[in-house]
Amino acid sequence: MSEHDIKRRGLMLVLSSPSGAGKTTLSRLLLQDDPNITMSVSATTRKARPGEKEGVDYYFLSTEDFGLKVNRDEFLEHAKVFDNYYGTPRAPVEEALTEGRDVLFDIDWQGTQQLMETAGEDIVRVFILPPSGQELEQRLKTRAQDPAEVVAARMAKASDEISHYTDYDYIIVNREVDKSLAQLKAILMSERLKRKRQVGLSNFVRGLQQAL
């Protein structure tokens, strides 16, 4: 940010979609193209896998430490997935927002609902839809080469996930990645320009009026 920029508060860009709709690809491309947005790093109680780095892939915590942080309200959202706990640490996100940097979240509709309860004004919710059920099934088959029963289970789950599209501010039907990315960038630009996020706007306008 240059000295002439108007100070703004960052935003929390939430992307949700059924598996196979293209959310991960769009997230990766957006992070590559825009230096002012970073991926939220979750905390987890599961063990680190080979190649994973502390503070980059996850914050790795013991179950006891995770529980203490829950009790101290240090997570924006948290959930148990199978035998492990996952959560979004509040402090690094709040620090980024205060500094005018945006944070990207790749979470499901349940995590999004929790975020709305803790930080509603900062959130921009985008849901990614596949162009058709047939296309989604084909993507799942091609992507993971999973057995038919696994693909069927994911398709069944997708139907439930898609039913929550009304909880989101924006909907992108991901027919072509390039066009969907352009739409996502347009959403981000529009939200960055909202008056409520430009916390330095009043000082800028006051200085402008004095100069007239």
N, C-alpha and C. Protein backbone atom coordinates (compact mmCIF):
# COMPACT_ATOMS: atom_id res chain seq x y z
N MET A 1 0.85 -1.19 0.00
CA MET A 1 0.00 0.00 0.00
C MET A 1 0.88 1.24 0.00
N SER A 2 0.65 2.15 -0.94
CA SER A 2 1.44 3.37 -1.00
C SER A 2 0.86 4.40 -0.05
N GLU A 3 1.61 5.49 0.16
CA GLU A 3 1.18 6.53 1.09
C GLU A 3 -0.07 7.25 0.60
N HIS A 4 -0.37 7.14 -0.70
CA HIS A 4 -1.53 7.82 -1.27
C HIS A 4 -2.78 6.95 -1.25
N ASP A 5 -2.65 5.67 -0.93
CA ASP A 5 -3.81 4.79 -0.88
C ASP A 5 -4.66 5.10 0.34
N ILE A 6 -5.95 4.90 0.18
CA ILE A 6 -6.87 5.06 1.31
C ILE A 6 -6.86 3.79 2.12
N LYS A 7 -6.61 3.91 3.41
CA LYS A 7 -6.53 2.74 4.29
C LYS A 7 -7.88 2.03 4.31
N ARG A 8 -7.83 0.71 4.17
CA ARG A 8 -9.05 -0.07 4.23
C ARG A 8 -8.87 -1.27 5.14
N ARG A 9 -9.99 -1.79 5.60
CA ARG A 9 -9.96 -3.03 6.37
C ARG A 9 -10.05 -4.18 5.39
N GLY A 10 -9.27 -5.24 5.67
CA GLY A 10 -9.31 -6.42 4.82
C GLY A 10 -10.64 -7.15 4.94
N LEU A 11 -10.84 -8.13 4.11
CA LEU A 11 -12.07 -8.92 4.14
C LEU A 11 -11.74 -10.41 4.18
N MET A 12 -12.73 -11.18 4.55
CA MET A 12 -12.61 -12.63 4.59
C MET A 12 -13.40 -13.20 3.42
N LEU A 13 -12.69 -13.71 2.43
CA LEU A 13 -13.33 -14.26 1.24
C LEU A 13 -13.53 -15.76 1.42
N VAL A 14 -14.77 -16.17 1.55
CA VAL A 14 -15.11 -17.57 1.78
C VAL A 14 -15.54 -18.22 0.47
N LEU A 15 -14.87 -19.31 0.12
CA LEU A 15 -15.26 -20.09 -1.05
C LEU A 15 -15.76 -21.46 -0.59
N SER A 16 -16.94 -21.82 -1.03
CA SER A 16 -17.49 -23.14 -0.72
C SER A 16 -18.01 -23.76 -2.01
N SER A 17 -18.03 -25.08 -2.03
CA SER A 17 -18.56 -25.78 -3.21
C SER A 17 -18.64 -27.27 -2.89
N PRO A 18 -19.42 -28.01 -3.66
CA PRO A 18 -19.32 -29.47 -3.55
C PRO A 18 -18.00 -29.94 -4.13
N SER A 19 -17.53 -31.09 -3.69
CA SER A 19 -16.28 -31.64 -4.18
C SER A 19 -16.35 -31.83 -5.69
N GLY A 20 -15.32 -31.30 -6.38
CA GLY A 20 -15.26 -31.45 -7.83
C GLY A 20 -15.75 -30.25 -8.61
N ALA A 21 -16.25 -29.22 -7.93
CA ALA A 21 -16.80 -28.06 -8.64
C ALA A 21 -15.72 -27.07 -9.07
N GLY A 22 -14.50 -27.21 -8.53
CA GLY A 22 -13.40 -26.36 -8.98
C GLY A 22 -12.93 -25.32 -7.98
N LYS A 23 -13.39 -25.42 -6.75
CA LYS A 23 -13.03 -24.44 -5.72
C LYS A 23 -11.54 -24.38 -5.46
N THR A 24 -10.89 -25.53 -5.35
CA THR A 24 -9.46 -25.57 -5.05
C THR A 24 -8.64 -24.95 -6.18
N THR A 25 -9.02 -25.24 -7.41
CA THR A 25 -8.32 -24.66 -8.57
C THR A 25 -8.46 -23.15 -8.58
N LEU A 26 -9.67 -22.64 -8.35
CA LEU A 26 -9.90 -21.20 -8.35
C LEU A 26 -9.14 -20.53 -7.20
N SER A 27 -9.10 -21.17 -6.05
CA SER A 27 -8.36 -20.63 -4.91
C SER A 27 -6.88 -20.50 -5.24
N ARG A 28 -6.32 -21.54 -5.83
CA ARG A 28 -4.89 -21.54 -6.17
C ARG A 28 -4.57 -20.44 -7.18
N LEU A 29 -5.40 -20.29 -8.18
CA LEU A 29 -5.16 -19.28 -9.21
C LEU A 29 -5.29 -17.87 -8.65
N LEU A 30 -6.27 -17.66 -7.79
CA LEU A 30 -6.45 -16.34 -7.18
C LEU A 30 -5.25 -15.97 -6.31
N LEU A 31 -4.77 -16.92 -5.53
CA LEU A 31 -3.61 -16.67 -4.67
C LEU A 31 -2.36 -16.37 -5.50
N GLN A 32 -2.23 -17.00 -6.66
CA GLN A 32 -1.09 -16.75 -7.54
C GLN A 32 -1.14 -15.35 -8.14
N ASP A 33 -2.35 -14.89 -8.46
CA ASP A 33 -2.50 -13.63 -9.20
C ASP A 33 -2.59 -12.40 -8.31
N ASP A 34 -3.00 -12.56 -7.06
CA ASP A 34 -3.26 -11.41 -6.20
C ASP A 34 -2.41 -11.46 -4.93
N PRO A 35 -1.38 -10.60 -4.83
CA PRO A 35 -0.49 -10.65 -3.68
C PRO A 35 -1.11 -10.13 -2.38
N ASN A 36 -2.29 -9.52 -2.46
CA ASN A 36 -2.89 -8.94 -1.26
C ASN A 36 -3.90 -9.87 -0.58
N ILE A 37 -3.94 -11.13 -1.03
CA ILE A 37 -4.81 -12.08 -0.37
C ILE A 37 -4.01 -13.32 -0.01
N THR A 38 -4.22 -13.83 1.19
CA THR A 38 -3.49 -15.00 1.66
C THR A 38 -4.48 -16.07 2.12
N MET A 39 -4.02 -17.30 2.11
CA MET A 39 -4.87 -18.42 2.53
C MET A 39 -4.90 -18.52 4.05
N SER A 40 -6.07 -18.70 4.58
CA SER A 40 -6.18 -18.93 6.02
C SER A 40 -5.51 -20.26 6.39
N VAL A 41 -4.72 -20.25 7.44
CA VAL A 41 -4.05 -21.47 7.91
C VAL A 41 -4.80 -21.99 9.13
N SER A 42 -5.30 -23.21 9.03
CA SER A 42 -6.07 -23.80 10.11
C SER A 42 -5.17 -24.47 11.14
N ALA A 43 -5.72 -24.66 12.33
CA ALA A 43 -5.07 -25.45 13.36
C ALA A 43 -5.72 -26.84 13.36
N THR A 44 -4.93 -27.85 13.70
CA THR A 44 -5.48 -29.21 13.73
C THR A 44 -4.77 -30.05 14.79
N THR A 45 -5.48 -31.06 15.25
CA THR A 45 -4.88 -31.98 16.21
C THR A 45 -4.30 -33.22 15.53
N ARG A 46 -4.46 -33.34 14.23
CA ARG A 46 -3.88 -34.50 13.55
C ARG A 46 -2.37 -34.32 13.40
N LYS A 47 -1.68 -35.42 13.21
CA LYS A 47 -0.24 -35.40 13.05
C LYS A 47 0.15 -34.82 11.68
N ALA A 48 1.29 -34.16 11.64
CA ALA A 48 1.77 -33.62 10.37
C ALA A 48 2.14 -34.75 9.42
N ARG A 49 1.79 -34.57 8.16
CA ARG A 49 2.15 -35.55 7.14
C ARG A 49 3.50 -35.16 6.54
N PRO A 50 4.18 -36.10 5.89
CA PRO A 50 5.49 -35.79 5.30
C PRO A 50 5.42 -34.59 4.38
N GLY A 51 6.32 -33.64 4.59
CA GLY A 51 6.38 -32.45 3.75
C GLY A 51 5.57 -31.28 4.26
N GLU A 52 4.67 -31.51 5.21
CA GLU A 52 3.87 -30.41 5.75
C GLU A 52 4.69 -29.59 6.74
N LYS A 53 4.46 -28.26 6.71
CA LYS A 53 5.23 -27.35 7.55
C LYS A 53 4.33 -26.62 8.54
N GLU A 54 4.84 -26.49 9.75
CA GLU A 54 4.13 -25.76 10.80
C GLU A 54 3.94 -24.31 10.39
N GLY A 55 2.69 -23.83 10.51
CA GLY A 55 2.38 -22.44 10.19
C GLY A 55 2.20 -22.16 8.72
N VAL A 56 2.47 -23.16 7.87
CA VAL A 56 2.29 -23.00 6.42
C VAL A 56 1.10 -23.84 5.97
N ASP A 57 1.15 -25.13 6.28
CA ASP A 57 0.04 -26.02 5.95
C ASP A 57 -1.02 -26.01 7.06
N TYR A 58 -0.56 -26.15 8.29
CA TYR A 58 -1.42 -26.12 9.46
C TYR A 58 -0.62 -25.64 10.66
N TYR A 59 -1.34 -25.27 11.72
CA TYR A 59 -0.75 -25.16 13.05
C TYR A 59 -1.08 -26.47 13.75
N PHE A 60 -0.08 -27.25 14.08
CA PHE A 60 -0.30 -28.57 14.66
C PHE A 60 -0.32 -28.47 16.19
N LEU A 61 -1.45 -28.87 16.78
CA LEU A 61 -1.66 -28.73 18.22
C LEU A 61 -2.01 -30.07 18.85
N SER A 62 -1.72 -30.18 20.13
CA SER A 62 -2.20 -31.34 20.87
C SER A 62 -3.70 -31.14 21.13
N THR A 63 -4.38 -32.24 21.44
CA THR A 63 -5.81 -32.15 21.75
C THR A 63 -6.05 -31.25 22.95
N GLU A 64 -5.15 -31.32 23.92
CA GLU A 64 -5.28 -30.49 25.13
C GLU A 64 -5.15 -29.01 24.78
N ASP A 65 -4.13 -28.66 23.99
CA ASP A 65 -3.93 -27.26 23.62
C ASP A 65 -5.09 -26.74 22.77
N PHE A 66 -5.59 -27.60 21.90
CA PHE A 66 -6.73 -27.20 21.07
C PHE A 66 -7.94 -26.87 21.96
N GLY A 67 -8.19 -27.74 22.93
CA GLY A 67 -9.31 -27.52 23.84
C GLY A 67 -9.17 -26.23 24.64
N LEU A 68 -7.95 -25.94 25.07
CA LEU A 68 -7.71 -24.69 25.82
C LEU A 68 -8.01 -23.48 24.95
N LYS A 69 -7.61 -23.54 23.67
CA LYS A 69 -7.87 -22.42 22.77
C LYS A 69 -9.36 -22.25 22.51
N VAL A 70 -10.09 -23.37 22.43
CA VAL A 70 -11.55 -23.29 22.29
C VAL A 70 -12.14 -22.57 23.49
N ASN A 71 -11.70 -22.96 24.70
CA ASN A 71 -12.21 -22.35 25.92
C ASN A 71 -11.88 -20.87 26.02
N ARG A 72 -10.76 -20.46 25.42
CA ARG A 72 -10.35 -19.05 25.45
C ARG A 72 -10.91 -18.28 24.25
N ASP A 73 -11.77 -18.91 23.47
CA ASP A 73 -12.42 -18.28 22.31
C ASP A 73 -11.39 -17.78 21.30
N GLU A 74 -10.36 -18.59 21.04
CA GLU A 74 -9.30 -18.19 20.14
C GLU A 74 -9.50 -18.69 18.71
N PHE A 75 -10.65 -19.33 18.45
CA PHE A 75 -10.96 -19.78 17.10
C PHE A 75 -12.18 -19.04 16.56
N LEU A 76 -12.12 -18.68 15.28
CA LEU A 76 -13.29 -18.10 14.62
C LEU A 76 -14.33 -19.18 14.34
N GLU A 77 -13.86 -20.38 14.05
CA GLU A 77 -14.74 -21.54 13.85
C GLU A 77 -13.91 -22.78 14.11
N HIS A 78 -14.59 -23.84 14.53
CA HIS A 78 -13.89 -25.10 14.75
C HIS A 78 -14.87 -26.27 14.64
N ALA A 79 -14.33 -27.44 14.33
CA ALA A 79 -15.19 -28.62 14.18
C ALA A 79 -14.35 -29.88 14.35
N LYS A 80 -15.03 -30.97 14.65
CA LYS A 80 -14.38 -32.26 14.72
C LYS A 80 -14.67 -33.00 13.41
N VAL A 81 -13.62 -33.45 12.76
CA VAL A 81 -13.77 -34.20 11.51
C VAL A 81 -13.15 -35.57 11.73
N PHE A 82 -14.00 -36.59 11.75
CA PHE A 82 -13.57 -37.94 12.10
C PHE A 82 -12.93 -37.92 13.49
N ASP A 83 -11.65 -38.21 13.63
CA ASP A 83 -11.05 -38.29 14.96
C ASP A 83 -10.20 -37.08 15.31
N ASN A 84 -10.20 -36.06 14.47
CA ASN A 84 -9.35 -34.89 14.70
C ASN A 84 -10.16 -33.60 14.72
N TYR A 85 -9.59 -32.60 15.38
CA TYR A 85 -10.22 -31.28 15.46
C TYR A 85 -9.52 -30.32 14.51
N TYR A 86 -10.31 -29.42 13.94
CA TYR A 86 -9.79 -28.39 13.04
C TYR A 86 -10.41 -27.05 13.44
N GLY A 87 -9.66 -25.98 13.31
CA GLY A 87 -10.19 -24.67 13.65
C GLY A 87 -9.41 -23.55 12.99
N THR A 88 -10.04 -22.39 12.88
CA THR A 88 -9.41 -21.20 12.30
C THR A 88 -8.98 -20.26 13.40
N PRO A 89 -7.66 -20.10 13.65
CA PRO A 89 -7.19 -19.19 14.70
C PRO A 89 -7.64 -17.75 14.43
N ARG A 90 -8.13 -17.11 15.45
CA ARG A 90 -8.66 -15.76 15.32
C ARG A 90 -7.57 -14.70 15.13
N ALA A 91 -6.46 -14.80 15.88
CA ALA A 91 -5.47 -13.73 15.93
C ALA A 91 -4.83 -13.41 14.58
N PRO A 92 -4.29 -14.39 13.83
CA PRO A 92 -3.66 -14.04 12.55
C PRO A 92 -4.63 -13.46 11.53
N VAL A 93 -5.89 -13.91 11.57
CA VAL A 93 -6.89 -13.37 10.65
C VAL A 93 -7.19 -11.92 10.99
N GLU A 94 -7.39 -11.66 12.27
CA GLU A 94 -7.68 -10.29 12.70
C GLU A 94 -6.52 -9.35 12.40
N GLU A 95 -5.31 -9.84 12.58
CA GLU A 95 -4.13 -9.02 12.27
C GLU A 95 -4.09 -8.65 10.79
N ALA A 96 -4.36 -9.64 9.93
CA ALA A 96 -4.36 -9.39 8.49
C ALA A 96 -5.44 -8.38 8.11
N LEU A 97 -6.63 -8.53 8.64
CA LEU A 97 -7.73 -7.62 8.31
C LEU A 97 -7.41 -6.19 8.74
N THR A 98 -6.83 -6.05 9.92
CA THR A 98 -6.47 -4.72 10.43
C THR A 98 -5.44 -4.05 9.54
N GLU A 99 -4.53 -4.84 8.98
CA GLU A 99 -3.49 -4.32 8.11
C GLU A 99 -3.95 -4.11 6.67
N GLY A 100 -5.22 -4.41 6.39
CA GLY A 100 -5.76 -4.21 5.05
C GLY A 100 -5.50 -5.35 4.10
N ARG A 101 -5.14 -6.52 4.63
CA ARG A 101 -4.91 -7.69 3.79
C ARG A 101 -6.13 -8.62 3.87
N ASP A 102 -6.42 -9.26 2.76
CA ASP A 102 -7.57 -10.14 2.68
C ASP A 102 -7.17 -11.59 2.96
N VAL A 103 -8.11 -12.36 3.47
CA VAL A 103 -7.85 -13.75 3.84
C VAL A 103 -8.85 -14.65 3.13
N LEU A 104 -8.34 -15.69 2.49
CA LEU A 104 -9.17 -16.63 1.74
C LEU A 104 -9.46 -17.87 2.57
N PHE A 105 -10.72 -18.29 2.58
CA PHE A 105 -11.14 -19.46 3.34
C PHE A 105 -11.73 -20.50 2.40
N ASP A 106 -11.24 -21.72 2.51
CA ASP A 106 -11.76 -22.85 1.75
C ASP A 106 -12.47 -23.75 2.75
N ILE A 107 -13.77 -23.45 3.01
CA ILE A 107 -14.50 -24.18 4.05
C ILE A 107 -15.90 -24.52 3.54
N ASP A 108 -16.58 -25.41 4.28
CA ASP A 108 -17.93 -25.82 3.87
C ASP A 108 -18.97 -24.88 4.45
N TRP A 109 -20.23 -25.18 4.19
CA TRP A 109 -21.31 -24.27 4.61
C TRP A 109 -21.45 -24.20 6.13
N GLN A 110 -21.09 -25.30 6.82
CA GLN A 110 -21.20 -25.28 8.27
C GLN A 110 -20.15 -24.35 8.88
N GLY A 111 -18.92 -24.43 8.36
CA GLY A 111 -17.88 -23.51 8.82
C GLY A 111 -18.23 -22.07 8.50
N THR A 112 -18.85 -21.86 7.34
CA THR A 112 -19.26 -20.51 6.94
C THR A 112 -20.28 -19.95 7.91
N GLN A 113 -21.22 -20.77 8.35
CA GLN A 113 -22.22 -20.31 9.31
C GLN A 113 -21.57 -19.90 10.63
N GLN A 114 -20.58 -20.66 11.07
CA GLN A 114 -19.87 -20.28 12.29
C GLN A 114 -19.15 -18.96 12.12
N LEU A 115 -18.51 -18.78 10.97
CA LEU A 115 -17.80 -17.51 10.72
C LEU A 115 -18.77 -16.34 10.73
N MET A 116 -19.95 -16.53 10.18
CA MET A 116 -20.95 -15.46 10.16
C MET A 116 -21.32 -15.02 11.57
N GLU A 117 -21.32 -15.95 12.50
CA GLU A 117 -21.68 -15.63 13.88
C GLU A 117 -20.58 -14.86 14.59
N THR A 118 -19.32 -15.07 14.17
CA THR A 118 -18.19 -14.44 14.87
C THR A 118 -17.63 -13.22 14.16
N ALA A 119 -17.82 -13.13 12.85
CA ALA A 119 -17.19 -12.03 12.11
C ALA A 119 -18.01 -11.68 10.87
N GLY A 120 -19.30 -11.54 11.02
CA GLY A 120 -20.20 -11.37 9.89
C GLY A 120 -19.90 -10.21 8.96
N GLU A 121 -19.55 -9.05 9.50
CA GLU A 121 -19.33 -7.85 8.68
C GLU A 121 -18.12 -7.97 7.76
N ASP A 122 -17.17 -8.81 8.12
CA ASP A 122 -15.94 -8.92 7.34
C ASP A 122 -16.03 -9.98 6.24
N ILE A 123 -17.11 -10.74 6.20
CA ILE A 123 -17.18 -11.91 5.34
C ILE A 123 -17.84 -11.63 4.00
N VAL A 124 -17.25 -12.17 2.94
CA VAL A 124 -17.85 -12.20 1.61
C VAL A 124 -17.96 -13.67 1.23
N ARG A 125 -19.17 -14.15 0.98
CA ARG A 125 -19.39 -15.58 0.77
C ARG A 125 -19.67 -15.86 -0.70
N VAL A 126 -18.87 -16.77 -1.28
CA VAL A 126 -19.03 -17.15 -2.68
C VAL A 126 -19.21 -18.66 -2.76
N PHE A 127 -20.25 -19.09 -3.47
CA PHE A 127 -20.49 -20.52 -3.65
C PHE A 127 -20.22 -20.88 -5.11
N ILE A 128 -19.44 -21.94 -5.32
CA ILE A 128 -19.08 -22.40 -6.66
C ILE A 128 -19.96 -23.58 -7.04
N LEU A 129 -20.68 -23.45 -8.14
CA LEU A 129 -21.54 -24.52 -8.63
C LEU A 129 -20.94 -25.16 -9.88
N PRO A 130 -21.14 -26.46 -10.05
CA PRO A 130 -20.75 -27.09 -11.32
C PRO A 130 -21.79 -26.75 -12.39
N PRO A 131 -21.46 -26.84 -13.67
CA PRO A 131 -22.43 -26.52 -14.72
C PRO A 131 -23.56 -27.53 -14.83
N SER A 132 -23.32 -28.76 -14.39
CA SER A 132 -24.36 -29.79 -14.43
C SER A 132 -23.96 -30.95 -13.53
N GLY A 133 -24.93 -31.77 -13.18
CA GLY A 133 -24.64 -32.96 -12.39
C GLY A 133 -23.77 -33.93 -13.15
N GLN A 134 -24.01 -34.03 -14.43
CA GLN A 134 -23.22 -34.93 -15.27
C GLN A 134 -21.76 -34.50 -15.32
N GLU A 135 -21.55 -33.19 -15.44
CA GLU A 135 -20.18 -32.67 -15.48
C GLU A 135 -19.48 -32.88 -14.14
N LEU A 136 -20.21 -32.67 -13.04
CA LEU A 136 -19.62 -32.89 -11.72
C LEU A 136 -19.20 -34.34 -11.55
N GLU A 137 -20.05 -35.27 -11.94
CA GLU A 137 -19.72 -36.69 -11.82
C GLU A 137 -18.50 -37.03 -12.66
N GLN A 138 -18.42 -36.47 -13.85
CA GLN A 138 -17.27 -36.73 -14.72
C GLN A 138 -15.99 -36.18 -14.12
N ARG A 139 -16.06 -35.00 -13.53
CA ARG A 139 -14.88 -34.41 -12.90
C ARG A 139 -14.40 -35.27 -11.73
N LEU A 140 -15.35 -35.77 -10.95
CA LEU A 140 -14.98 -36.62 -9.81
C LEU A 140 -14.33 -37.92 -10.27
N LYS A 141 -14.86 -38.48 -11.32
CA LYS A 141 -14.29 -39.73 -11.85
C LYS A 141 -12.90 -39.50 -12.43
N THR A 142 -12.73 -38.39 -13.13
CA THR A 142 -11.46 -38.10 -13.79
C THR A 142 -10.39 -37.68 -12.79
N ARG A 143 -10.81 -36.88 -11.80
CA ARG A 143 -9.85 -36.29 -10.87
C ARG A 143 -9.19 -37.31 -9.97
N ALA A 144 -10.00 -38.15 -9.33
CA ALA A 144 -9.46 -39.02 -8.29
C ALA A 144 -9.40 -40.49 -8.71
N GLN A 145 -10.10 -40.83 -9.76
CA GLN A 145 -10.18 -42.22 -10.20
C GLN A 145 -10.65 -43.12 -9.05
N ASP A 146 -11.60 -42.61 -8.29
CA ASP A 146 -12.14 -43.36 -7.16
C ASP A 146 -13.10 -44.44 -7.66
N PRO A 147 -13.32 -45.48 -6.84
CA PRO A 147 -14.31 -46.49 -7.21
C PRO A 147 -15.71 -45.87 -7.29
N ALA A 148 -16.59 -46.56 -7.98
CA ALA A 148 -17.93 -46.02 -8.25
C ALA A 148 -18.69 -45.66 -6.98
N GLU A 149 -18.53 -46.47 -5.92
CA GLU A 149 -19.28 -46.20 -4.70
C GLU A 149 -18.82 -44.91 -4.01
N VAL A 150 -17.52 -44.60 -4.13
CA VAL A 150 -17.00 -43.35 -3.55
C VAL A 150 -17.53 -42.15 -4.32
N VAL A 151 -17.53 -42.25 -5.64
CA VAL A 151 -18.07 -41.17 -6.47
C VAL A 151 -19.55 -40.97 -6.17
N ALA A 152 -20.28 -42.06 -6.01
CA ALA A 152 -21.71 -41.98 -5.71
C ALA A 152 -21.95 -41.29 -4.37
N ALA A 153 -21.11 -41.61 -3.38
CA ALA A 153 -21.25 -40.98 -2.06
C ALA A 153 -20.99 -39.49 -2.14
N ARG A 154 -19.99 -39.09 -2.92
CA ARG A 154 -19.68 -37.67 -3.07
C ARG A 154 -20.78 -36.94 -3.83
N MET A 155 -21.36 -37.60 -4.79
CA MET A 155 -22.47 -37.01 -5.53
C MET A 155 -23.67 -36.80 -4.61
N ALA A 156 -23.93 -37.76 -3.74
CA ALA A 156 -25.04 -37.64 -2.79
C ALA A 156 -24.79 -36.51 -1.81
N LYS A 157 -23.56 -36.37 -1.35
CA LYS A 157 -23.21 -35.28 -0.45
C LYS A 157 -23.30 -33.94 -1.16
N ALA A 158 -22.95 -33.92 -2.45
CA ALA A 158 -22.99 -32.69 -3.23
C ALA A 158 -24.40 -32.11 -3.26
N SER A 159 -25.38 -32.96 -3.38
CA SER A 159 -26.77 -32.51 -3.42
C SER A 159 -27.13 -31.75 -2.15
N ASP A 160 -26.71 -32.25 -0.99
CA ASP A 160 -26.97 -31.58 0.28
C ASP A 160 -26.21 -30.25 0.35
N GLU A 161 -24.95 -30.26 -0.07
CA GLU A 161 -24.14 -29.04 -0.01
C GLU A 161 -24.73 -27.95 -0.90
N ILE A 162 -25.15 -28.32 -2.10
CA ILE A 162 -25.70 -27.34 -3.04
C ILE A 162 -26.98 -26.71 -2.49
N SER A 163 -27.71 -27.44 -1.67
CA SER A 163 -28.96 -26.91 -1.12
C SER A 163 -28.74 -25.68 -0.24
N HIS A 164 -27.51 -25.43 0.17
CA HIS A 164 -27.21 -24.28 1.04
C HIS A 164 -26.73 -23.06 0.25
N TYR A 165 -26.92 -23.08 -1.06
CA TYR A 165 -26.42 -21.97 -1.88
C TYR A 165 -27.05 -20.64 -1.50
N THR A 166 -28.26 -20.67 -0.94
CA THR A 166 -28.95 -19.42 -0.59
C THR A 166 -28.30 -18.70 0.60
N ASP A 167 -27.38 -19.36 1.29
CA ASP A 167 -26.69 -18.73 2.42
C ASP A 167 -25.52 -17.86 1.95
N TYR A 168 -25.28 -17.80 0.65
CA TYR A 168 -24.09 -17.12 0.11
C TYR A 168 -24.46 -15.83 -0.61
N ASP A 169 -23.49 -14.91 -0.66
CA ASP A 169 -23.72 -13.61 -1.29
C ASP A 169 -23.63 -13.67 -2.81
N TYR A 170 -22.72 -14.50 -3.31
CA TYR A 170 -22.48 -14.60 -4.75
C TYR A 170 -22.45 -16.07 -5.16
N ILE A 171 -22.89 -16.31 -6.39
CA ILE A 171 -22.86 -17.66 -6.96
C ILE A 171 -22.10 -17.62 -8.28
N ILE A 172 -21.13 -18.51 -8.44
CA ILE A 172 -20.40 -18.65 -9.70
C ILE A 172 -20.64 -20.06 -10.23
N VAL A 173 -21.15 -20.15 -11.45
CA VAL A 173 -21.28 -21.44 -12.11
C VAL A 173 -20.00 -21.67 -12.91
N ASN A 174 -19.23 -22.63 -12.47
CA ASN A 174 -17.88 -22.83 -13.01
C ASN A 174 -17.90 -23.67 -14.30
N ARG A 175 -18.25 -22.99 -15.41
CA ARG A 175 -18.23 -23.67 -16.70
C ARG A 175 -16.82 -23.66 -17.29
N GLU A 176 -16.15 -22.50 -17.21
CA GLU A 176 -14.79 -22.36 -17.70
C GLU A 176 -13.97 -21.67 -16.61
N VAL A 177 -12.82 -22.23 -16.30
CA VAL A 177 -12.02 -21.74 -15.18
C VAL A 177 -11.63 -20.27 -15.37
N ASP A 178 -11.20 -19.89 -16.58
CA ASP A 178 -10.76 -18.52 -16.82
C ASP A 178 -11.88 -17.51 -16.55
N LYS A 179 -13.08 -17.82 -17.03
CA LYS A 179 -14.21 -16.92 -16.82
C LYS A 179 -14.62 -16.87 -15.35
N SER A 180 -14.58 -18.01 -14.70
CA SER A 180 -14.94 -18.06 -13.28
C SER A 180 -13.93 -17.28 -12.44
N LEU A 181 -12.66 -17.37 -12.79
CA LEU A 181 -11.63 -16.62 -12.08
C LEU A 181 -11.84 -15.13 -12.27
N ALA A 182 -12.18 -14.71 -13.48
CA ALA A 182 -12.45 -13.30 -13.75
C ALA A 182 -13.64 -12.81 -12.92
N GLN A 183 -14.66 -13.63 -12.80
CA GLN A 183 -15.82 -13.27 -11.98
C GLN A 183 -15.44 -13.15 -10.51
N LEU A 184 -14.61 -14.08 -10.05
CA LEU A 184 -14.16 -14.05 -8.65
C LEU A 184 -13.35 -12.80 -8.37
N LYS A 185 -12.49 -12.42 -9.30
CA LYS A 185 -11.69 -11.20 -9.13
C LYS A 185 -12.58 -9.96 -9.12
N ALA A 186 -13.63 -9.97 -9.95
CA ALA A 186 -14.55 -8.83 -9.99
C ALA A 186 -15.29 -8.68 -8.66
N ILE A 187 -15.68 -9.81 -8.08
CA ILE A 187 -16.33 -9.78 -6.77
C ILE A 187 -15.39 -9.19 -5.73
N LEU A 188 -14.15 -9.65 -5.75
CA LEU A 188 -13.16 -9.19 -4.78
C LEU A 188 -12.92 -7.69 -4.92
N MET A 189 -12.77 -7.19 -6.15
CA MET A 189 -12.55 -5.77 -6.38
C MET A 189 -13.74 -4.95 -5.88
N SER A 190 -14.93 -5.40 -6.21
CA SER A 190 -16.13 -4.68 -5.78
C SER A 190 -16.23 -4.59 -4.26
N GLU A 191 -15.95 -5.70 -3.59
CA GLU A 191 -16.04 -5.71 -2.13
C GLU A 191 -14.95 -4.86 -1.48
N ARG A 192 -13.78 -4.81 -2.11
CA ARG A 192 -12.71 -3.97 -1.57
C ARG A 192 -13.06 -2.49 -1.64
N LEU A 193 -13.87 -2.11 -2.62
CA LEU A 193 -14.23 -0.71 -2.83
C LEU A 193 -15.42 -0.27 -1.99
N LYS A 194 -16.05 -1.17 -1.28
CA LYS A 194 -17.20 -0.79 -0.48
C LYS A 194 -16.80 0.25 0.57
N ARG A 195 -17.66 1.23 0.74
CA ARG A 195 -17.35 2.34 1.65
C ARG A 195 -17.06 1.86 3.07
N LYS A 196 -17.80 0.87 3.54
CA LYS A 196 -17.63 0.43 4.93
C LYS A 196 -16.25 -0.16 5.18
N ARG A 197 -15.59 -0.67 4.14
CA ARG A 197 -14.26 -1.25 4.32
C ARG A 197 -13.15 -0.19 4.23
N GLN A 198 -13.43 0.96 3.64
CA GLN A 198 -12.42 2.00 3.46
C GLN A 198 -12.40 2.89 4.71
N VAL A 199 -11.71 2.37 5.73
CA VAL A 199 -11.73 3.04 7.04
C VAL A 199 -10.99 4.37 7.02
N GLY A 200 -10.14 4.60 6.00
CA GLY A 200 -9.43 5.87 5.91
C GLY A 200 -10.13 6.87 5.01
N LEU A 201 -11.33 6.55 4.57
CA LEU A 201 -12.02 7.40 3.59
C LEU A 201 -12.42 8.75 4.17
N SER A 202 -12.88 8.77 5.41
CA SER A 202 -13.33 10.04 6.01
C SER A 202 -12.18 11.04 6.10
N ASN A 203 -10.99 10.56 6.48
CA ASN A 203 -9.83 11.46 6.55
C ASN A 203 -9.44 11.96 5.17
N PHE A 204 -9.53 11.07 4.17
CA PHE A 204 -9.20 11.47 2.81
C PHE A 204 -10.17 12.54 2.32
N VAL A 205 -11.47 12.33 2.55
CA VAL A 205 -12.48 13.29 2.10
C VAL A 205 -12.32 14.61 2.84
N ARG A 206 -12.01 14.57 4.12
CA ARG A 206 -11.82 15.79 4.90
C ARG A 206 -10.65 16.60 4.33
N GLY A 207 -9.57 15.92 4.01
CA GLY A 207 -8.42 16.60 3.42
C GLY A 207 -8.75 17.15 2.04
N LEU A 208 -9.55 16.41 1.29
CA LEU A 208 -9.95 16.85 -0.04
C LEU A 208 -10.80 18.12 0.04
N GLN A 209 -11.73 18.15 1.01
CA GLN A 209 -12.60 19.31 1.17
C GLN A 209 -11.79 20.53 1.60
N GLN A 210 -10.81 20.34 2.45
CA GLN A 210 -10.00 21.46 2.93
C GLN A 210 -9.17 22.07 1.81
N ALA A 211 -8.85 21.23 0.83
CA ALA A 211 -8.02 21.70 -0.28
C ALA A 211 -8.82 22.43 -1.35
N LEU A 212 -10.16 22.36 -1.25
CA LEU A 212 -11.01 23.00 -2.26
C LEU A 212 -11.28 24.47 -1.94
